[in-house]
Amino acid sequence: MAVHRFNVFGRIVAIERQGTRWDVRSVGTDGKRAPAGFVIPDFVGEDELEQYLFDLFHESAVSPTADIRRLP
């Protein structure tokens, strides 16, 4: 299963499909993963993840140039 990593306004999250649901984890500076504290609905497609994260967290942006970026 592919793991999708995003920088969400400075917070790194890893998202992986587990069966029919999305498993969302916060990634610490040490690489450890913990529950992210939010849910991505099952119906959100892989190609919609970045937009969904932006819609969910856009009010958390600390500057107008802050963004959500897909990471390698």
C-alpha atoms as a PDB file:
ATOM      1  CA  MET A   1       0.000   0.000   0.000  1.00  0.00           C
ATOM      2  CA  ALA A   2       1.296   3.446  -0.884  1.00  0.00           C
ATOM      3  CA  VAL A   3       1.894   5.956   1.880  1.00  0.00           C
ATOM      4  CA  HIS A   4       1.072   9.546   0.957  1.00  0.00           C
ATOM      5  CA  ARG A   5       3.081  12.141   2.869  1.00  0.00           C
ATOM      6  CA  PHE A   6       2.115  15.792   3.119  1.00  0.00           C
ATOM      7  CA  ASN A   7       3.462  18.918   4.747  1.00  0.00           C
ATOM      8  CA  VAL A   8       0.283  20.492   6.123  1.00  0.00           C
ATOM      9  CA  PHE A   9       1.240  24.050   7.089  1.00  0.00           C
ATOM     10  CA  GLY A  10       4.425  22.761   8.737  1.00  0.00           C
ATOM     11  CA  ARG A  11       2.984  19.539  10.158  1.00  0.00           C
ATOM     12  CA  ILE A  12       4.009  16.275   8.474  1.00  0.00           C
ATOM     13  CA  VAL A  13       1.276  13.673   8.041  1.00  0.00           C
ATOM     14  CA  ALA A  14       1.368  10.205   6.514  1.00  0.00           C
ATOM     15  CA  ILE A  15      -1.831   8.835   4.999  1.00  0.00           C
ATOM     16  CA  GLU A  16      -2.334   5.227   3.990  1.00  0.00           C
ATOM     17  CA  ARG A  17      -5.376   3.318   2.771  1.00  0.00           C
ATOM     18  CA  GLN A  18      -6.208   0.451   5.144  1.00  0.00           C
ATOM     19  CA  GLY A  19      -8.952  -1.564   3.474  1.00  0.00           C
ATOM     20  CA  THR A  20     -11.764   0.915   2.898  1.00  0.00           C
ATOM     21  CA  ARG A  21     -10.594   3.594   5.337  1.00  0.00           C
ATOM     22  CA  TRP A  22      -7.752   6.098   5.510  1.00  0.00           C
ATOM     23  CA  ASP A  23      -5.195   5.746   8.322  1.00  0.00           C
ATOM     24  CA  VAL A  24      -3.790   9.186   9.173  1.00  0.00           C
ATOM     25  CA  ARG A  25      -0.640   9.606  11.278  1.00  0.00           C
ATOM     26  CA  SER A  26       1.408  12.596  12.410  1.00  0.00           C
ATOM     27  CA  VAL A  27       5.107  12.092  11.772  1.00  0.00           C
ATOM     28  CA  GLY A  28       7.444  13.468  14.440  1.00  0.00           C
ATOM     29  CA  THR A  29      10.915  14.869  13.844  1.00  0.00           C
ATOM     30  CA  ASP A  30      12.284  11.518  15.006  1.00  0.00           C
ATOM     31  CA  GLY A  31      10.201   9.677  12.369  1.00  0.00           C
ATOM     32  CA  LYS A  32       7.803   8.148  14.878  1.00  0.00           C
ATOM     33  CA  ARG A  33       4.144   8.086  13.904  1.00  0.00           C
ATOM     34  CA  ALA A  34       1.181   8.824  16.167  1.00  0.00           C
ATOM     35  CA  PRO A  35      -2.542   9.190  15.498  1.00  0.00           C
ATOM     36  CA  ALA A  36      -3.074  12.526  13.754  1.00  0.00           C
ATOM     37  CA  GLY A  37      -6.279  13.439  15.565  1.00  0.00           C
ATOM     38  CA  PHE A  38      -8.429  13.901  12.478  1.00  0.00           C
ATOM     39  CA  VAL A  39     -10.237  11.614  10.070  1.00  0.00           C
ATOM     40  CA  ILE A  40     -10.352  11.533   6.307  1.00  0.00           C
ATOM     41  CA  PRO A  41     -13.700  10.149   5.095  1.00  0.00           C
ATOM     42  CA  ASP A  42     -13.591   6.888   3.164  1.00  0.00           C
ATOM     43  CA  PHE A  43     -15.105   8.469   0.048  1.00  0.00           C
ATOM     44  CA  VAL A  44     -12.160  10.874  -0.436  1.00  0.00           C
ATOM     45  CA  GLY A  45     -10.080   9.609  -3.343  1.00  0.00           C
ATOM     46  CA  GLU A  46      -6.296   9.414  -3.461  1.00  0.00           C
ATOM     47  CA  ASP A  47      -6.207  12.263  -5.983  1.00  0.00           C
ATOM     48  CA  GLU A  48      -8.365  14.421  -3.660  1.00  0.00           C
ATOM     49  CA  LEU A  49      -6.226  14.158  -0.511  1.00  0.00           C
ATOM     50  CA  GLU A  50      -4.304  17.403  -0.978  1.00  0.00           C
ATOM     51  CA  GLN A  51      -7.475  19.444  -1.586  1.00  0.00           C
ATOM     52  CA  TYR A  52      -9.258  17.794   1.350  1.00  0.00           C
ATOM     53  CA  LEU A  53      -6.359  18.639   3.679  1.00  0.00           C
ATOM     54  CA  PHE A  54      -6.370  22.234   2.455  1.00  0.00           C
ATOM     55  CA  ASP A  55     -10.131  22.536   2.999  1.00  0.00           C
ATOM     56  CA  LEU A  56      -9.809  21.062   6.487  1.00  0.00           C
ATOM     57  CA  PHE A  57      -6.804  23.094   7.687  1.00  0.00           C
ATOM     58  CA  HIS A  58      -6.716  26.328   5.665  1.00  0.00           C
ATOM     59  CA  GLU A  59      -7.608  28.351   8.758  1.00  0.00           C
ATOM     60  CA  SER A  60      -4.435  27.031  10.427  1.00  0.00           C
ATOM     61  CA  ALA A  61      -2.208  28.825   7.926  1.00  0.00           C
ATOM     62  CA  VAL A  62       0.011  31.306   9.759  1.00  0.00           C
ATOM     63  CA  SER A  63       0.938  33.270   6.655  1.00  0.00           C
ATOM     64  CA  PRO A  64      -0.604  33.890   3.246  1.00  0.00           C
ATOM     65  CA  THR A  65       2.223  31.925   1.613  1.00  0.00           C
ATOM     66  CA  ALA A  66       1.737  28.830   3.803  1.00  0.00           C
ATOM     67  CA  ASP A  67       0.620  25.806   1.838  1.00  0.00           C
ATOM     68  CA  ILE A  68       0.069  22.091   1.731  1.00  0.00           C
ATOM     69  CA  ARG A  69       2.660  20.137  -0.225  1.00  0.00           C
ATOM     70  CA  ARG A  70       2.864  16.484  -1.202  1.00  0.00           C
ATOM     71  CA  LEU A  71       6.205  15.054  -0.084  1.00  0.00           C
ATOM     72  CA  PRO A  72       8.230  12.305  -1.772  1.00  0.00           C
END
